[in-house]
Amino acid sequence: MESKEQRKEELYSQAIPAGKRKYFFDVKETRGGDKFITITESRKLFDNNTGEVYYEKNKMFLYKEDFDKFRQGLENAFSFIQTGIEPPPVVVEDNYRGGDTDSKLDDIDFKF
């Protein structure tokens, strides 16, 4: 059986507190040596029925082949918020799926 060190599963982790939310940026590595990022949003919630505090988590996986597209999409969103000017869309060359390239998010693998 492989140990965690042999799998090199988690290489880096950073938590960003933001009020009732916390964001986690984790760099992991597949057994094949490919690095990817998981972005997790953890929200602190209160159950009025039980009186207990619990955490709701949403997770997204971002693979290295999508880093540039994701970065550009995020930068475009930030730019629009700051300037009010709509930036040009992210250009995606979609060779492996043979699909339509109009959607900015087609190649980003969101898993919740």
Protein backbone atom coordinates (compact mmCIF):
# COMPACT_ATOMS: atom_id res chain seq x y z
CA MET A 1 0.00 0.00 0.00
CA GLU A 2 1.29 3.47 -0.95
CA SER A 3 1.94 6.01 1.76
CA LYS A 4 0.87 9.63 1.43
CA GLU A 5 4.51 10.62 0.84
CA GLN A 6 4.75 8.21 -2.10
CA ARG A 7 1.58 9.58 -3.69
CA LYS A 8 2.65 13.21 -3.07
CA GLU A 9 -1.04 14.01 -2.92
CA GLU A 10 -1.00 17.44 -1.22
CA LEU A 11 1.96 19.70 -1.92
CA TYR A 12 0.78 23.10 -0.70
CA SER A 13 -2.17 24.56 1.17
CA GLN A 14 -3.25 28.08 2.04
CA ALA A 15 -6.38 29.16 3.94
CA ILE A 16 -7.84 32.63 3.45
CA PRO A 17 -10.32 33.70 6.17
CA ALA A 18 -13.10 35.97 4.87
CA GLY A 19 -15.76 36.62 7.51
CA LYS A 20 -18.13 33.64 7.75
CA ARG A 21 -16.33 32.04 4.81
CA LYS A 22 -12.92 30.55 4.44
CA TYR A 23 -11.22 29.80 1.13
CA PHE A 24 -8.66 27.04 0.78
CA PHE A 25 -6.20 26.82 -2.10
CA ASP A 26 -4.56 23.41 -2.22
CA VAL A 27 -1.99 22.18 -4.74
CA LYS A 28 -2.10 18.44 -5.21
CA GLU A 29 -0.42 15.94 -7.45
CA THR A 30 -1.88 12.91 -9.17
CA ARG A 31 -0.12 9.57 -9.04
CA GLY A 32 1.04 10.34 -12.57
CA GLY A 33 2.81 13.49 -11.38
CA ASP A 34 0.37 16.07 -12.78
CA LYS A 35 -0.29 19.01 -10.49
CA PHE A 36 -3.73 20.54 -10.00
CA ILE A 37 -5.44 23.01 -7.69
CA THR A 38 -8.50 22.51 -5.54
CA ILE A 39 -10.30 25.65 -4.43
CA THR A 40 -12.67 25.09 -1.52
CA GLU A 41 -15.14 27.54 -0.06
CA SER A 42 -16.19 26.68 3.49
CA ARG A 43 -19.15 28.58 4.94
CA LYS A 44 -20.03 28.61 8.63
CA LEU A 45 -23.80 28.17 9.02
CA PHE A 46 -26.21 27.89 11.91
CA ASP A 47 -29.06 25.35 12.02
CA ASN A 48 -32.03 27.07 13.66
CA ASN A 49 -33.76 23.73 14.34
CA THR A 50 -30.91 22.06 16.21
CA GLY A 51 -29.00 25.13 17.39
CA GLU A 52 -25.78 23.67 15.98
CA VAL A 53 -23.10 25.30 13.87
CA TYR A 54 -22.02 23.41 10.77
CA TYR A 55 -19.89 24.02 7.71
CA GLU A 56 -20.99 23.81 4.10
CA LYS A 57 -18.18 23.18 1.61
CA ASN A 58 -18.02 23.68 -2.13
CA LYS A 59 -15.00 22.44 -4.03
CA MET A 60 -13.65 23.10 -7.50
CA PHE A 61 -10.85 21.24 -9.25
CA LEU A 62 -8.64 23.20 -11.65
CA TYR A 63 -6.21 21.26 -13.83
CA LYS A 64 -2.96 22.70 -15.16
CA GLU A 65 -4.07 22.64 -18.79
CA ASP A 66 -6.81 25.12 -17.79
CA PHE A 67 -4.70 27.50 -15.65
CA ASP A 68 -4.18 30.17 -18.33
CA LYS A 69 -7.83 30.17 -19.41
CA PHE A 70 -9.03 30.32 -15.82
CA ARG A 71 -6.58 33.10 -14.92
CA GLN A 72 -7.67 35.15 -17.94
CA GLY A 73 -11.36 34.65 -17.12
CA LEU A 74 -10.79 35.72 -13.52
CA GLU A 75 -8.72 38.74 -14.58
CA ASN A 76 -11.48 39.70 -17.04
CA ALA A 77 -14.09 39.53 -14.27
CA PHE A 78 -11.91 41.68 -11.96
CA SER A 79 -11.29 44.17 -14.76
CA PHE A 80 -15.01 44.45 -15.51
CA ILE A 81 -15.80 45.10 -11.85
CA GLN A 82 -13.12 47.80 -11.64
CA THR A 83 -13.78 49.54 -14.98
CA GLY A 84 -17.31 48.60 -16.05
CA ILE A 85 -15.88 47.85 -19.49
CA GLU A 86 -16.52 44.36 -20.84
CA PRO A 87 -13.20 42.74 -21.80
CA PRO A 88 -12.85 40.55 -24.87
CA PRO A 89 -13.78 36.90 -24.28
CA VAL A 90 -11.16 34.31 -23.45
CA VAL A 91 -10.12 32.56 -26.65
CA VAL A 92 -10.22 28.81 -26.23
CA GLU A 93 -8.78 26.37 -28.72
CA ASP A 94 -10.82 23.27 -28.09
CA ASN A 95 -8.89 20.57 -29.92
CA TYR A 96 -9.47 17.52 -27.74
CA ARG A 97 -13.25 17.76 -27.39
CA GLY A 98 -14.06 18.89 -30.90
CA GLY A 99 -16.80 21.01 -29.38
CA ASP A 100 -17.94 24.56 -29.59
CA THR A 101 -15.46 27.19 -28.45
CA ASP A 102 -17.94 29.98 -27.69
CA SER A 103 -18.29 29.23 -23.97
CA LYS A 104 -15.52 30.60 -21.75
CA LEU A 105 -16.07 27.85 -19.19
CA ASP A 106 -16.42 24.72 -21.35
CA ASP A 107 -12.96 23.40 -20.55
CA ILE A 108 -12.89 24.17 -16.82
CA ASP A 109 -13.76 21.14 -14.76
CA PHE A 110 -16.04 22.30 -11.92
CA LYS A 111 -16.92 19.51 -9.50
CA PHE A 112 -19.13 20.23 -6.53
